[in-house]
Amino acid sequence: MPVMVASENGRRGMMAAMMLLREGGSALDAVELACRIVEDDPDDHSVGYGGLPNVLGEVELDASIMDGGATLRAGAVAAVQGYGCAITLARKVMEETPHVLVVARGAERLAAELGESPQDQRTEEALRRWRERFAERGLTPGATENLRSVARILTRPLNLQDKIYKAARVDTLGTVNFIALDAQGNLAAAVSTSGLGWKYPGRVGDSPLIGAGNYCDNRYGAAACTGMGELAIRAATARSLVLYLKCGMPLVEAGREALRDLLTLDAAEGQYMNIVTLTPTGEHAGFSTVPGKQYLFQRAEMDEPQLADRLMLE
């Protein structure tokens, strides 16, 4: 019976993808479709079109997709500018090249060769937020005399507790991820992001890195991450959780063991990591290093996705 899990911002994508799964569609097609819908949404500033720019005002997209089948196929792109649909480009890397990861100018060249039309991913709303961030820090928008220092200042959490208290959207660490189990018993996982808001140009997080932000194996399960990507890279979070499942841990204990790995990293204030996971039997869970986080899940018999609380260490 088809099942999907996703990050909290994946509702519309999940509903469309579940329709495809109910009709016998593949998990791989489902996660790509779900990601595409979020990537095209200009109101989601953590993914695709309208994503938050880097320190220079440029939107750079990262994405990865993984097939849990016998050969563990995967494809990814990173630091893509001037083209949308990063998840579809990642799938093209998987299916039409001998590579797993293609980045920056190479990924843009590949998009052009595949017939994709260039599209500026910046929106006026995203640029407004970019300019406001400089003003909040007392900097002139576009000031780049010392780019390393400017990026470090801009990416520090700004009144994070006030934003949470006011229920404001904190999406500077945002990403979307989807994991699907289809009627044939195949798993697939997809992750897409515009990365850390106001990042240093060329910064790549965990989303396009197989084993860090995305991992999928039909035999044991799949996991995908959102949050401060550097943490998942250092702990190889997605692969670690699946490995703990391989070692025979129950799902909840496997997720909490992955959280223990993350908590040893001494993350800075405002940095967190979320994980979603799905097993070959349809068991699912979400985990987080901070309280109050949720994830989406939907089974084929459900009319709409539902929210569930992510688990933390006890």
Protein backbone atom coordinates (compact mmCIF):
# COMPACT_ATOMS: atom_id res chain seq x y z
CA MET A 1 0.00 0.00 0.00
CA PRO A 2 1.58 3.36 -1.03
CA VAL A 3 2.88 5.62 1.75
CA MET A 4 4.65 8.99 1.70
CA VAL A 5 6.43 11.15 4.25
CA ALA A 6 7.66 14.70 3.78
CA SER A 7 8.82 17.86 5.45
CA GLU A 8 6.09 20.16 6.73
CA ASN A 9 6.04 22.36 3.60
CA GLY A 10 5.23 19.46 1.25
CA ARG A 11 1.44 19.21 1.51
CA ARG A 12 0.46 20.19 -2.04
CA GLY A 13 3.22 18.11 -3.54
CA MET A 14 2.32 15.09 -1.46
CA MET A 15 -1.35 15.19 -2.45
CA ALA A 16 -0.51 15.24 -6.17
CA ALA A 17 2.10 12.51 -5.78
CA MET A 18 -0.28 10.28 -3.82
CA MET A 19 -2.78 10.45 -6.68
CA LEU A 20 -0.04 9.17 -8.97
CA LEU A 21 0.84 6.36 -6.55
CA ARG A 22 -2.80 5.29 -6.23
CA GLU A 23 -2.87 4.85 -10.01
CA GLY A 24 0.14 2.52 -9.84
CA GLY A 25 2.83 5.12 -10.47
CA SER A 26 6.38 4.62 -9.29
CA ALA A 27 7.90 6.00 -6.10
CA LEU A 28 10.57 7.70 -8.21
CA ASP A 29 8.01 9.57 -10.32
CA ALA A 30 6.06 10.47 -7.18
CA VAL A 31 8.92 12.11 -5.31
CA GLU A 32 10.03 14.03 -8.41
CA LEU A 33 6.50 15.33 -9.01
CA ALA A 34 6.07 16.33 -5.37
CA CYS A 35 9.35 18.26 -5.36
CA ARG A 36 8.53 20.01 -8.64
CA ILE A 37 5.32 21.41 -7.17
CA VAL A 38 7.15 22.96 -4.21
CA GLU A 39 10.01 24.18 -6.39
CA ASP A 40 7.52 26.10 -8.56
CA ASP A 41 5.83 27.78 -5.58
CA PRO A 42 7.15 31.38 -5.25
CA ASP A 43 5.74 31.61 -1.73
CA ASP A 44 8.10 28.92 -0.44
CA HIS A 45 11.38 30.78 0.04
CA SER A 46 13.43 27.73 0.94
CA VAL A 47 13.12 25.88 -2.37
CA GLY A 48 13.32 26.59 -6.10
CA TYR A 49 11.71 29.65 -7.65
CA GLY A 50 11.63 32.44 -5.08
CA GLY A 51 14.27 30.81 -2.90
CA LEU A 52 16.34 33.03 -0.63
CA PRO A 53 19.45 34.39 -2.37
CA ASN A 54 23.07 34.04 -1.34
CA VAL A 55 25.05 36.99 -0.05
CA LEU A 56 25.43 38.34 -3.60
CA GLY A 57 21.70 38.21 -4.30
CA GLU A 58 21.93 35.06 -6.44
CA VAL A 59 19.65 32.03 -6.01
CA GLU A 60 21.61 28.76 -6.07
CA LEU A 61 19.67 25.50 -6.14
CA ASP A 62 20.65 22.05 -4.83
CA ALA A 63 18.74 18.78 -5.23
CA SER A 64 19.13 15.01 -5.11
CA ILE A 65 17.04 11.95 -5.93
CA MET A 66 17.70 8.32 -5.03
CA ASP A 67 16.16 5.04 -6.18
CA GLY A 68 16.10 2.39 -3.45
CA GLY A 69 16.31 -0.48 -5.96
CA ALA A 70 19.04 -3.07 -6.27
CA THR A 71 21.62 -0.74 -7.85
CA LEU A 72 20.96 2.25 -5.54
CA ARG A 73 20.91 4.73 -8.41
CA ALA A 74 21.22 8.39 -7.45
CA GLY A 75 21.58 11.79 -9.08
CA ALA A 76 22.22 15.27 -7.75
CA VAL A 77 23.01 18.86 -8.71
CA ALA A 78 24.37 21.73 -6.66
CA ALA A 79 24.89 25.50 -6.88
CA VAL A 80 22.70 25.79 -9.99
CA GLN A 81 21.89 29.34 -11.09
CA GLY A 82 19.52 30.52 -13.78
CA TYR A 83 17.56 27.29 -14.19
CA GLY A 84 14.63 25.84 -12.26
CA CYS A 85 13.35 22.31 -11.69
CA ALA A 86 16.49 21.22 -9.88
CA ILE A 87 15.00 17.85 -8.90
CA THR A 88 14.30 16.96 -12.52
CA LEU A 89 17.84 17.96 -13.46
CA ALA A 90 19.11 15.72 -10.65
CA ARG A 91 17.12 12.83 -12.10
CA LYS A 92 18.61 13.53 -15.52
CA VAL A 93 22.08 13.27 -13.98
CA MET A 94 21.08 9.85 -12.62
CA GLU A 95 19.51 8.55 -15.81
CA GLU A 96 21.43 10.23 -18.64
CA THR A 97 25.00 10.57 -17.39
CA PRO A 98 27.49 8.20 -15.73
CA HIS A 99 27.72 10.58 -12.76
CA VAL A 100 25.97 11.12 -9.44
CA LEU A 101 26.70 14.80 -8.74
CA VAL A 102 27.12 17.66 -11.25
CA VAL A 103 27.55 21.21 -9.98
CA ALA A 104 27.38 24.88 -10.90
CA ARG A 105 28.34 25.73 -14.51
CA GLY A 106 28.43 22.06 -15.44
CA ALA A 107 24.88 21.48 -14.20
CA GLU A 108 23.69 24.60 -16.01
CA ARG A 109 25.36 23.40 -19.23
CA LEU A 110 23.64 20.03 -18.82
CA ALA A 111 20.28 21.75 -18.36
CA ALA A 112 20.82 23.70 -21.59
CA GLU A 113 21.86 20.56 -23.48
CA LEU A 114 18.68 18.85 -22.29
CA GLY A 115 16.58 21.67 -23.73
CA GLU A 116 15.69 23.44 -20.49
CA SER A 117 14.99 27.16 -20.83
CA PRO A 118 16.94 29.56 -18.59
CA GLN A 119 14.80 31.10 -15.86
CA ASP A 120 15.81 33.64 -13.23
CA GLN A 121 14.85 32.03 -9.92
CA ARG A 122 14.75 35.35 -8.05
CA THR A 123 11.43 36.96 -7.21
CA GLU A 124 10.88 40.50 -6.04
CA GLU A 125 9.73 39.20 -2.65
CA ALA A 126 12.91 37.15 -2.20
CA LEU A 127 15.06 40.13 -3.19
CA ARG A 128 13.13 42.33 -0.76
CA ARG A 129 13.95 39.91 2.04
CA TRP A 130 17.57 39.85 0.86
CA ARG A 131 17.79 43.64 1.09
CA GLU A 132 16.05 43.69 4.48
CA ARG A 133 18.56 41.24 5.92
CA PHE A 134 21.41 43.64 5.13
CA ALA A 135 19.46 46.50 6.71
CA GLU A 136 18.72 44.44 9.84
CA ARG A 137 22.45 43.95 10.26
CA GLY A 138 23.31 47.59 9.54
CA LEU A 139 24.95 46.76 6.21
CA THR A 140 24.50 48.25 2.77
CA PRO A 141 22.70 45.75 0.49
CA GLY A 142 25.26 44.11 -1.73
CA ALA A 143 28.18 45.25 0.44
CA THR A 144 30.89 42.71 -0.27
CA GLU A 145 34.17 44.31 0.80
CA ASN A 146 34.89 41.23 2.91
CA LEU A 147 32.52 38.61 1.64
CA ARG A 148 33.42 36.02 4.24
CA SER A 149 32.65 38.40 7.10
CA VAL A 150 29.42 39.64 5.51
CA ALA A 151 28.15 36.10 4.91
CA ARG A 152 29.03 35.11 8.48
CA ILE A 153 27.09 38.07 9.86
CA LEU A 154 24.05 37.55 7.63
CA THR A 155 23.67 33.83 8.27
CA ARG A 156 23.66 34.12 12.05
CA PRO A 157 20.14 33.65 13.46
CA LEU A 158 18.37 36.97 13.80
CA ASN A 159 16.04 37.21 16.80
CA LEU A 160 15.18 33.54 16.32
CA GLN A 161 13.27 33.28 19.58
CA ASP A 162 11.22 36.39 18.73
CA LYS A 163 10.31 34.91 15.36
CA ILE A 164 9.20 31.67 17.00
CA TYR A 165 7.22 33.58 19.64
CA LYS A 166 5.44 35.55 16.90
CA ALA A 167 4.86 32.36 14.90
CA ALA A 168 6.80 33.88 12.00
CA ARG A 169 8.09 31.53 9.33
CA VAL A 170 11.76 30.69 9.92
CA ASP A 171 12.76 29.32 6.52
CA THR A 172 16.38 30.36 6.14
CA LEU A 173 17.37 26.73 6.80
CA GLY A 174 14.46 25.34 4.81
CA THR A 175 14.36 22.46 2.39
CA VAL A 176 11.68 20.12 1.08
CA ASN A 177 12.02 16.35 1.11
CA PHE A 178 9.79 13.46 0.11
CA ILE A 179 10.07 9.72 0.58
CA ALA A 180 7.62 7.38 -1.16
CA LEU A 181 6.84 3.67 -1.00
CA ASP A 182 4.92 2.49 -4.07
CA ALA A 183 2.58 -0.47 -4.64
CA GLN A 184 5.47 -2.50 -6.05
CA GLY A 185 7.41 -2.14 -2.80
CA ASN A 186 10.00 0.30 -4.13
CA LEU A 187 11.28 3.25 -2.14
CA ALA A 188 12.54 6.57 -3.52
CA ALA A 189 13.66 9.78 -1.86
CA ALA A 190 14.05 13.33 -3.16
CA VAL A 191 15.40 16.52 -1.60
CA SER A 192 15.40 20.06 -3.02
CA THR A 193 16.52 23.39 -1.59
CA SER A 194 17.76 26.88 -2.36
CA GLY A 195 20.11 26.41 0.57
CA LEU A 196 21.00 28.57 3.51
CA GLY A 197 19.76 32.12 3.06
CA TRP A 198 22.54 34.69 2.50
CA LYS A 199 25.16 31.93 2.25
CA TYR A 200 28.63 32.39 0.81
CA PRO A 201 28.49 31.84 -2.97
CA GLY A 202 29.03 28.22 -3.88
CA ARG A 203 28.16 26.88 -0.44
CA VAL A 204 26.66 23.41 -0.72
CA GLY A 205 24.69 21.82 2.11
CA ASP A 206 23.56 18.26 2.70
CA SER A 207 20.61 18.19 0.29
CA PRO A 208 22.53 17.11 -2.85
CA LEU A 209 24.94 14.85 -0.96
CA ILE A 210 23.93 11.20 -1.00
CA GLY A 211 24.46 9.80 2.48
CA ALA A 212 24.22 13.18 4.20
CA GLY A 213 20.82 14.67 3.33
CA ASN A 214 19.36 11.77 1.36
CA TYR A 215 19.68 7.99 1.38
CA CYS A 216 17.36 5.23 0.18
CA ASP A 217 17.61 1.43 0.15
CA ASN A 218 14.63 -0.87 -0.52
CA ARG A 219 16.02 -3.46 1.88
CA TYR A 220 16.10 -1.28 5.00
CA GLY A 221 14.48 2.13 4.51
CA ALA A 222 15.05 5.72 3.49
CA ALA A 223 15.88 8.95 5.29
CA ALA A 224 16.06 12.61 4.30
CA CYS A 225 17.06 15.75 6.20
CA THR A 226 16.25 19.44 6.54
CA GLY A 227 17.97 22.08 8.64
CA MET A 228 21.60 23.15 8.93
CA GLY A 229 23.15 20.97 6.26
CA GLU A 230 26.67 21.15 7.62
CA LEU A 231 25.51 19.07 10.58
CA ALA A 232 24.14 16.25 8.43
CA ILE A 233 27.30 16.29 6.30
CA ARG A 234 29.53 15.89 9.34
CA ALA A 235 27.45 13.05 10.76
CA ALA A 236 26.41 11.40 7.44
CA THR A 237 22.93 11.52 8.95
CA ALA A 238 20.70 9.97 6.27
CA ARG A 239 23.01 7.02 5.61
CA SER A 240 23.62 6.54 9.33
CA LEU A 241 19.93 6.20 10.12
CA VAL A 242 19.47 3.63 7.34
CA LEU A 243 22.56 1.80 8.54
CA TYR A 244 21.13 1.59 12.06
CA LEU A 245 18.00 0.04 10.52
CA LYS A 246 20.23 -2.41 8.66
CA CYS A 247 21.84 -3.35 11.96
CA GLY A 248 18.41 -4.35 13.29
CA MET A 249 17.45 -1.35 15.40
CA PRO A 250 13.72 -0.55 15.62
CA LEU A 251 12.81 2.59 13.69
CA VAL A 252 12.44 4.90 16.68
CA GLU A 253 15.72 3.80 18.22
CA ALA A 254 17.52 4.12 14.87
CA GLY A 255 16.30 7.70 14.55
CA ARG A 256 17.27 8.59 18.06
CA GLU A 257 20.73 7.10 17.51
CA ALA A 258 21.09 9.42 14.51
CA LEU A 259 20.10 12.31 16.78
CA ARG A 260 22.76 11.27 19.29
CA ASP A 261 25.33 11.52 16.50
CA LEU A 262 24.18 15.06 15.74
CA LEU A 263 24.15 16.24 19.33
CA THR A 264 27.86 15.50 19.69
CA LEU A 265 28.58 18.21 17.09
CA ASP A 266 27.89 21.12 19.47
CA ALA A 267 25.71 23.03 16.99
CA ALA A 268 25.57 26.82 17.29
CA GLU A 269 22.44 28.58 18.51
CA GLY A 270 19.67 28.44 15.92
CA GLN A 271 21.16 25.46 14.08
CA TYR A 272 19.05 22.30 14.05
CA MET A 273 18.46 19.13 12.07
CA ASN A 274 15.21 17.40 11.12
CA ILE A 275 14.91 13.89 9.67
CA VAL A 276 12.06 11.96 8.08
CA THR A 277 12.25 8.23 7.51
CA LEU A 278 10.19 5.45 5.94
CA THR A 279 10.73 1.67 6.03
CA PRO A 280 9.90 -1.01 3.40
CA THR A 281 6.90 -2.03 5.52
CA GLY A 282 5.46 1.50 5.54
CA GLU A 283 6.48 2.40 9.08
CA HIS A 284 7.41 6.08 9.31
CA ALA A 285 8.74 8.62 11.78
CA GLY A 286 10.22 12.10 12.04
CA PHE A 287 13.00 13.27 14.32
CA SER A 288 14.45 16.62 15.33
CA THR A 289 17.16 18.11 17.52
CA VAL A 290 14.78 20.91 18.61
CA PRO A 291 11.21 20.86 20.00
CA GLY A 292 8.03 21.75 18.18
CA LYS A 293 8.84 20.30 14.77
CA GLN A 294 6.42 18.24 12.69
CA TYR A 295 6.36 16.24 9.48
CA LEU A 296 3.73 15.11 6.98
CA PHE A 297 2.61 11.57 6.19
CA GLN A 298 -0.07 10.07 3.99
CA ARG A 299 -1.24 6.55 3.22
CA ALA A 300 -3.18 5.71 0.08
CA GLU A 301 -6.49 5.40 1.94
CA MET A 302 -6.14 8.87 3.50
CA ASP A 303 -7.87 11.83 1.79
CA GLU A 304 -5.21 14.30 2.88
CA PRO A 305 -1.76 14.33 4.48
CA GLN A 306 -1.61 14.60 8.24
CA LEU A 307 0.92 16.22 10.51
CA ALA A 308 2.77 14.24 13.15
CA ASP A 309 5.21 15.37 15.81
CA ARG A 310 8.88 14.71 15.28
CA LEU A 311 10.56 12.76 18.07
CA MET A 312 13.50 14.01 20.11
CA LEU A 313 15.92 12.30 22.45
CA GLU A 314 14.29 11.45 25.77
